[in-house]
Protein backbone atom coordinates (compact mmCIF):
# COMPACT_ATOMS: atom_id res chain seq x y z
CA MET A 1 -9.07 -2.45 -31.52
CA SER A 2 -9.22 0.47 -33.95
CA ASN A 3 -12.72 1.48 -32.80
CA THR A 4 -12.02 0.97 -29.10
CA ILE A 5 -11.25 3.99 -26.94
CA ASN A 6 -8.50 3.96 -24.33
CA ARG A 7 -9.17 6.42 -21.51
CA GLN A 8 -6.03 7.63 -19.74
CA PHE A 9 -5.09 9.93 -16.89
CA LYS A 10 -1.80 11.68 -17.67
CA LEU A 11 0.15 13.81 -15.21
CA ALA A 12 -0.30 17.42 -16.30
CA ARG A 13 1.71 19.18 -13.57
CA ARG A 14 3.51 18.57 -10.28
CA PRO A 15 0.89 18.81 -7.52
CA VAL A 16 1.32 21.40 -4.78
CA GLY A 17 -0.30 20.22 -1.57
CA MET A 18 -3.31 17.95 -2.01
CA VAL A 19 -3.72 16.37 -5.43
CA LYS A 20 -6.40 17.95 -7.64
CA ARG A 21 -8.19 16.79 -10.78
CA SER A 22 -6.52 19.67 -12.62
CA ASP A 23 -3.13 18.03 -11.96
CA PHE A 24 -4.11 15.43 -14.58
CA ASP A 25 -5.19 15.45 -18.20
CA PHE A 26 -7.99 13.00 -18.97
CA VAL A 27 -7.56 11.91 -22.58
CA GLU A 28 -9.22 9.45 -24.91
CA THR A 29 -7.13 7.80 -27.62
CA PRO A 30 -7.56 4.71 -29.81
CA ALA A 31 -6.69 1.54 -27.91
CA PRO A 32 -3.15 0.34 -28.70
CA SER A 33 -2.14 -2.88 -30.42
CA ALA A 34 0.42 -5.45 -29.32
CA GLY A 35 3.66 -5.40 -31.31
CA ASP A 36 6.27 -8.13 -31.68
CA GLY A 37 6.92 -9.80 -28.33
CA GLU A 38 4.20 -7.75 -26.67
CA ILE A 39 0.81 -8.33 -25.09
CA LEU A 40 -2.27 -6.15 -24.79
CA VAL A 41 -3.90 -6.08 -21.37
CA LYS A 42 -7.43 -4.92 -20.59
CA LEU A 43 -7.32 -3.43 -17.10
CA LEU A 44 -10.00 -4.57 -14.69
CA TYR A 45 -8.81 -3.08 -11.38
CA ILE A 46 -6.31 -0.36 -10.50
CA SER A 47 -4.46 -0.18 -7.18
CA LEU A 48 -4.52 3.19 -5.42
CA ASP A 49 -1.61 3.61 -3.03
CA PRO A 50 -0.18 6.47 -0.92
CA ALA A 51 3.13 6.06 -2.75
CA MET A 52 1.51 7.47 -5.87
CA ARG A 53 1.67 10.94 -4.32
CA GLY A 54 5.44 10.69 -4.06
CA TRP A 55 5.75 9.45 -7.64
CA MET A 56 4.29 12.75 -8.83
CA ASN A 57 7.06 14.81 -7.23
CA GLU A 58 10.25 15.88 -8.96
CA GLY A 59 13.47 14.88 -7.20
CA LYS A 60 15.53 11.91 -6.13
CA SER A 61 13.63 8.94 -4.78
CA TYR A 62 13.68 5.15 -4.87
CA ILE A 63 11.95 5.28 -8.28
CA PRO A 64 11.99 7.95 -11.02
CA PRO A 65 9.06 10.37 -10.92
CA VAL A 66 6.22 10.12 -13.39
CA GLY A 67 7.04 12.44 -16.26
CA ILE A 68 4.79 15.33 -17.20
CA GLY A 69 2.55 14.07 -19.99
CA GLU A 70 3.02 10.41 -19.04
CA VAL A 71 0.22 8.05 -18.04
CA MET A 72 -0.03 8.07 -14.25
CA ARG A 73 1.86 5.12 -12.81
CA ALA A 74 -0.23 2.56 -10.93
CA GLY A 75 -0.32 -1.13 -10.19
CA ALA A 76 -3.23 -2.90 -11.82
CA ALA A 77 -4.81 -6.27 -12.53
CA GLY A 78 -6.15 -7.19 -15.92
CA VAL A 79 -6.67 -9.84 -18.57
CA VAL A 80 -4.58 -10.47 -21.68
CA ILE A 81 -6.72 -9.88 -24.77
CA ALA A 82 -4.00 -10.14 -27.43
CA SER A 83 -0.57 -11.76 -27.30
CA ASN A 84 2.52 -11.89 -29.46
CA ASN A 85 4.55 -13.16 -26.52
CA PRO A 86 4.84 -16.94 -26.00
CA ALA A 87 4.98 -16.50 -22.23
CA PHE A 88 1.40 -15.15 -22.13
CA ALA A 89 -1.83 -16.48 -23.60
CA VAL A 90 -5.08 -14.69 -24.30
CA GLY A 91 -7.19 -15.07 -21.19
CA ASP A 92 -4.27 -14.99 -18.75
CA HIS A 93 -4.79 -12.67 -15.79
CA VAL A 94 -1.83 -10.52 -14.80
CA THR A 95 -0.79 -7.83 -12.34
CA GLY A 96 1.88 -5.19 -12.76
CA ALA A 97 2.58 -1.49 -13.29
CA LEU A 98 0.06 -0.91 -16.07
CA GLY A 99 -1.00 2.68 -15.36
CA VAL A 100 -4.28 4.54 -14.93
CA GLN A 101 -5.96 3.61 -18.20
CA ASP A 102 -8.25 1.08 -19.85
CA TYR A 103 -5.65 -0.77 -21.94
CA ALA A 104 -1.89 -1.24 -21.65
CA VAL A 105 0.77 -2.75 -23.90
CA SER A 106 3.59 -4.65 -22.21
CA ASN A 107 6.56 -6.78 -23.18
CA GLY A 108 5.74 -8.89 -20.14
CA LYS A 109 8.62 -7.72 -18.00
CA GLY A 110 7.48 -7.18 -14.43
CA LEU A 111 4.09 -8.77 -14.97
CA ILE A 112 2.92 -11.59 -12.70
CA LYS A 113 0.36 -14.18 -13.73
CA VAL A 114 -2.39 -14.66 -11.15
CA ASP A 115 -5.30 -17.05 -10.81
CA PRO A 116 -8.68 -15.38 -10.07
CA LYS A 117 -10.04 -18.81 -9.08
CA LEU A 118 -7.72 -18.89 -6.05
CA ALA A 119 -8.44 -15.32 -4.91
CA PRO A 120 -10.42 -12.36 -6.30
CA LEU A 121 -8.32 -10.05 -8.47
CA PRO A 122 -8.45 -7.11 -6.00
CA VAL A 123 -6.75 -9.33 -3.39
CA TYR A 124 -3.76 -9.60 -5.74
CA LEU A 125 -3.47 -5.81 -5.51
CA GLY A 126 -3.69 -5.87 -1.71
CA THR A 127 -2.75 -8.70 0.63
CA LEU A 128 -1.25 -10.81 -2.17
CA GLY A 129 0.20 -7.76 -3.92
CA MET A 130 2.52 -4.86 -3.14
CA PRO A 131 0.87 -3.86 0.18
CA GLY A 132 0.99 -7.44 1.45
CA MET A 133 4.60 -7.84 0.36
CA THR A 134 5.43 -4.57 2.12
CA ALA A 135 3.80 -5.78 5.33
CA TYR A 136 5.42 -9.22 5.20
CA PHE A 137 8.99 -8.15 4.58
CA GLY A 138 8.67 -4.94 6.57
CA ILE A 139 7.62 -6.57 9.83
CA LEU A 140 9.55 -9.84 9.52
CA GLU A 141 12.78 -8.83 7.78
CA VAL A 142 13.23 -5.16 8.66
CA GLY A 143 11.37 -5.28 11.97
CA GLN A 144 13.03 -8.58 12.98
CA LEU A 145 9.87 -9.57 14.84
CA LYS A 146 10.18 -11.94 17.79
CA ASP A 147 7.54 -13.96 19.59
CA GLY A 148 5.88 -12.18 22.50
CA GLU A 149 6.91 -8.65 21.58
CA ALA A 150 4.77 -5.52 21.80
CA VAL A 151 4.04 -4.26 18.29
CA VAL A 152 2.43 -0.95 17.36
CA VAL A 153 1.34 -0.15 13.81
CA SER A 154 0.01 3.18 12.55
CA GLY A 155 -2.39 3.39 9.65
CA ALA A 156 -3.60 0.08 11.05
CA ALA A 157 -6.82 -0.13 9.04
CA GLY A 158 -5.08 0.54 5.74
CA ALA A 159 -3.84 -1.90 3.13
CA VAL A 160 -0.40 -2.40 4.70
CA GLY A 161 -1.27 -1.85 8.36
CA GLN A 162 -4.04 -4.43 8.48
CA VAL A 163 -1.66 -7.12 7.23
CA VAL A 164 1.22 -6.06 9.50
CA GLY A 165 -0.94 -6.41 12.59
CA GLN A 166 -2.30 -9.79 11.60
CA ILE A 167 1.16 -11.17 10.84
CA ALA A 168 2.35 -9.97 14.24
CA LYS A 169 -0.60 -11.76 15.88
CA ILE A 170 0.18 -14.94 13.94
CA LYS A 171 3.73 -14.68 15.28
CA GLY A 172 2.51 -14.49 18.90
CA CYS A 173 2.86 -10.78 19.57
CA THR A 174 0.72 -8.23 21.37
CA VAL A 175 -0.53 -5.82 18.72
CA ILE A 176 -1.82 -2.27 19.14
CA GLY A 177 -3.15 -0.47 16.09
CA ILE A 178 -3.49 3.27 15.61
CA ALA A 179 -6.34 4.29 13.33
CA GLY A 180 -8.73 7.17 12.76
CA GLY A 181 -12.30 6.82 13.94
CA ALA A 182 -14.36 4.40 15.97
CA ASP A 183 -15.37 2.25 12.99
CA LYS A 184 -11.77 1.59 11.96
CA CYS A 185 -10.77 0.86 15.54
CA ARG A 186 -13.60 -1.65 15.90
CA TYR A 187 -12.60 -3.24 12.61
CA ILE A 188 -9.01 -3.93 13.63
CA THR A 189 -9.94 -5.30 17.06
CA ASP A 190 -13.23 -7.10 16.41
CA GLU A 191 -12.51 -8.45 12.93
CA LEU A 192 -8.73 -8.61 12.65
CA GLY A 193 -7.93 -9.58 16.24
CA PHE A 194 -5.67 -6.71 17.28
CA ASP A 195 -5.31 -6.58 21.05
CA ALA A 196 -6.12 -2.89 21.25
CA ALA A 197 -6.81 0.14 19.09
CA ILE A 198 -5.96 3.80 19.58
CA ASP A 199 -8.18 6.37 17.87
CA TYR A 200 -5.84 9.22 17.05
CA LYS A 201 -8.83 11.45 16.26
CA SER A 202 -10.25 11.27 19.77
CA GLU A 203 -7.43 10.03 22.04
CA ASP A 204 -4.09 11.29 23.26
CA VAL A 205 -1.85 8.85 21.39
CA LYS A 206 1.11 9.29 23.72
CA GLU A 207 -0.97 8.59 26.82
CA ALA A 208 -2.72 5.65 25.16
CA LEU A 209 0.64 4.10 24.25
CA LYS A 210 1.68 4.33 27.91
CA GLN A 211 -1.46 2.43 28.85
CA HIS A 212 -1.22 -0.28 26.21
CA CYS A 213 2.58 -0.69 26.18
CA PRO A 214 3.61 -0.42 29.86
CA LYS A 215 6.98 -2.03 29.13
CA GLY A 216 7.52 -0.05 25.96
CA ILE A 217 7.21 -0.70 22.22
CA ASP A 218 9.45 -3.42 20.78
CA VAL A 219 8.52 -2.85 17.12
CA TYR A 220 6.83 0.22 15.69
CA PHE A 221 5.67 -0.02 12.06
CA ASP A 222 5.20 3.52 10.79
CA ASN A 223 2.89 4.38 7.92
CA VAL A 224 2.09 7.96 8.85
CA GLY A 225 5.07 9.90 10.24
CA GLY A 226 4.56 13.25 11.95
CA GLU A 227 3.25 13.55 15.51
CA ILE A 228 2.33 9.87 15.79
CA LEU A 229 5.90 8.83 15.00
CA ASP A 230 7.08 11.22 17.72
CA ALA A 231 4.64 9.68 20.20
CA ALA A 232 5.92 6.19 19.41
CA LEU A 233 9.53 7.30 19.81
CA SER A 234 8.72 8.43 23.35
CA ARG A 235 7.64 4.88 24.33
CA LEU A 236 10.42 2.68 22.96
CA ALA A 237 11.62 -0.42 24.77
CA MET A 238 15.31 -1.27 24.90
CA HIS A 239 16.61 -2.39 21.47
CA ALA A 240 13.35 -1.46 19.77
CA ARG A 241 13.08 -1.45 15.99
CA ILE A 242 11.18 1.15 14.00
CA VAL A 243 10.21 0.36 10.42
CA ILE A 244 9.72 3.46 8.27
CA CYS A 245 7.32 2.36 5.57
CA GLY A 246 5.54 5.61 4.80
CA ALA A 247 4.57 9.04 6.08
CA ILE A 248 1.14 9.75 4.68
CA SER A 249 0.61 12.66 7.09
CA GLN A 250 3.43 14.50 5.32
CA TYR A 251 2.84 13.70 1.64
CA ASN A 252 0.68 16.74 0.84
CA ASN A 253 2.64 19.28 2.88
CA THR A 254 3.29 22.62 1.26
CA GLU A 255 6.07 23.22 3.80
CA ALA A 256 9.10 21.12 4.73
CA VAL A 257 8.49 17.60 6.00
CA LYS A 258 8.25 17.50 9.78
CA GLY A 259 10.97 15.24 11.16
CA PRO A 260 10.96 13.42 14.49
CA SER A 261 11.86 15.56 17.50
CA ASN A 262 12.19 12.57 19.85
CA TYR A 263 14.94 10.87 17.87
CA LEU A 264 17.32 10.80 20.85
CA SER A 265 15.14 8.00 22.21
CA LEU A 266 16.95 5.84 19.64
CA LEU A 267 20.22 6.58 21.45
CA VAL A 268 18.89 6.11 24.97
CA ASN A 269 17.20 2.79 24.11
CA ARG A 270 19.87 1.54 21.68
CA ALA A 271 17.05 1.34 19.16
CA SER A 272 17.14 1.39 15.38
CA MET A 273 15.01 3.11 12.75
CA LYS A 274 15.23 1.80 9.21
CA GLY A 275 13.44 2.62 5.99
CA MET A 276 12.12 -0.08 3.71
CA VAL A 277 11.07 -0.20 0.06
CA VAL A 278 9.25 -3.32 -1.04
CA PHE A 279 10.95 -3.47 -4.45
CA ASP A 280 14.15 -4.57 -2.69
CA TYR A 281 12.45 -7.91 -2.01
CA ALA A 282 11.05 -8.51 -5.51
CA SER A 283 12.95 -11.77 -5.94
CA ARG A 284 11.12 -13.17 -2.90
CA TYR A 285 7.54 -12.09 -3.66
CA ALA A 286 6.47 -15.65 -4.51
CA GLU A 287 7.75 -16.86 -1.15
CA ALA A 288 5.69 -14.30 0.74
CA ALA A 289 2.60 -14.85 -1.42
CA ASN A 290 2.67 -18.59 -0.79
CA VAL A 291 2.96 -18.13 2.97
CA MET A 292 0.20 -15.52 3.15
CA ALA A 293 -2.11 -17.49 0.84
CA SER A 294 -1.71 -20.43 3.22
CA TRP A 295 -2.60 -18.21 6.18
CA MET A 296 -5.65 -16.98 4.30
CA GLN A 297 -6.80 -20.54 3.59
CA GLN A 298 -6.40 -21.35 7.28
CA GLY A 299 -8.48 -18.32 8.26
CA LYS A 300 -5.54 -16.70 10.06
CA LEU A 301 -5.21 -13.77 7.66
CA LYS A 302 -8.22 -11.72 6.58
CA THR A 303 -8.37 -9.27 3.73
CA ARG A 304 -10.60 -6.33 2.97
CA GLU A 305 -10.82 -4.23 -0.16
CA ASP A 306 -12.51 -0.85 -0.52
CA ILE A 307 -13.62 -0.91 -4.17
CA VAL A 308 -14.80 2.19 -6.02
CA GLU A 309 -16.17 1.88 -9.57
CA GLY A 310 -15.28 4.08 -12.50
CA LEU A 311 -11.94 5.02 -14.05
CA GLU A 312 -13.22 8.56 -14.47
CA THR A 313 -13.36 8.96 -10.67
CA PHE A 314 -9.61 8.40 -10.27
CA PRO A 315 -8.50 11.83 -8.90
CA GLU A 316 -11.29 12.02 -6.34
CA THR A 317 -10.99 8.36 -5.35
CA LEU A 318 -7.23 8.75 -4.82
CA LEU A 319 -7.97 11.49 -2.29
CA LYS A 320 -9.79 9.00 -0.07
CA LEU A 321 -6.33 7.75 0.97
CA PHE A 322 -5.23 11.15 2.24
CA LYS A 323 -8.53 11.95 3.90
CA GLY A 324 -8.54 8.64 5.76
CA GLU A 325 -11.81 7.60 4.12
CA ASN A 326 -10.83 4.06 3.09
CA THR A 327 -10.77 0.93 5.20
CA GLY A 328 -8.56 -1.80 3.81
CA LYS A 329 -7.06 -1.76 0.33
CA LEU A 330 -8.37 0.99 -1.93
CA VAL A 331 -9.05 -0.31 -5.43
CA LEU A 332 -10.57 1.32 -8.51
CA LYS A 333 -12.73 -0.97 -10.63
CA VAL A 334 -12.27 -0.21 -14.30
CA ALA A 335 -14.26 -2.90 -16.09
CA ASP A 336 -15.94 -6.27 -15.75
CA ALA A 337 -13.92 -9.31 -16.72
């Protein structure tokens, strides 16, 4: 590998507001070699997720921030091209936190072997990866979903939201998705089977929720925070559950995060609002993957990936998440297998 170049994006500074290319250093170094007990992975696809914005910030969180000068953290899928670890063979395909780069060395901890013959590799970064796990455990475990309930999900055309809504439909619920733009709204109703869609760009979300949830919202799965969370709080049913998964509307704020002003609705309706982090369910990922793979084989669960080619486009492609330009799971293609 001495003549092979490893391109890397390293965090150069803590972003203020929207992420910029200048927040990263793009470097080229010789590709690494696998040491004792290690493997060398050639990355094929990189997962781009809203959580990456939070990982760039200093301060206490559920995971330490990416250090200045470190390779930007990211989930990825790749192929083992060298192995000094008996648990992995050359040719094995794996997913894990491998970073925004061409090649990564790992001791194997945290890596998951996947079979590209059962599903395309990008699916293992979406529905069968962290976003799918988030949706599965978020709606079923944290949301305590029950048959026949009214479920509302924001960011409904995104990687997590699209799976949340489909799981709720599989479980016999009425599902309303909130998304931005007519195309995304058509996608979640016409292709994914949501009962209704609310276009937050052209509709009054609060009024639309009154129309679609006349008896109130039983479960609200929040991916965006801000004004849409407030609108959902105003329409809660008795004993409603709110799952706080993300708040993408707030991630690039240069001022303080805007909290919910309608929180007293939790008191009036004896409702609960609980945050969830998917890593808490790591020991059960295989369980969720098996169930969702079965749903996919039965045609009950559809998946969509928004794939952009070129590692060098990383900063600009990441911004698609915060501009609402992606539909489905946003993935960066790094190389051919």
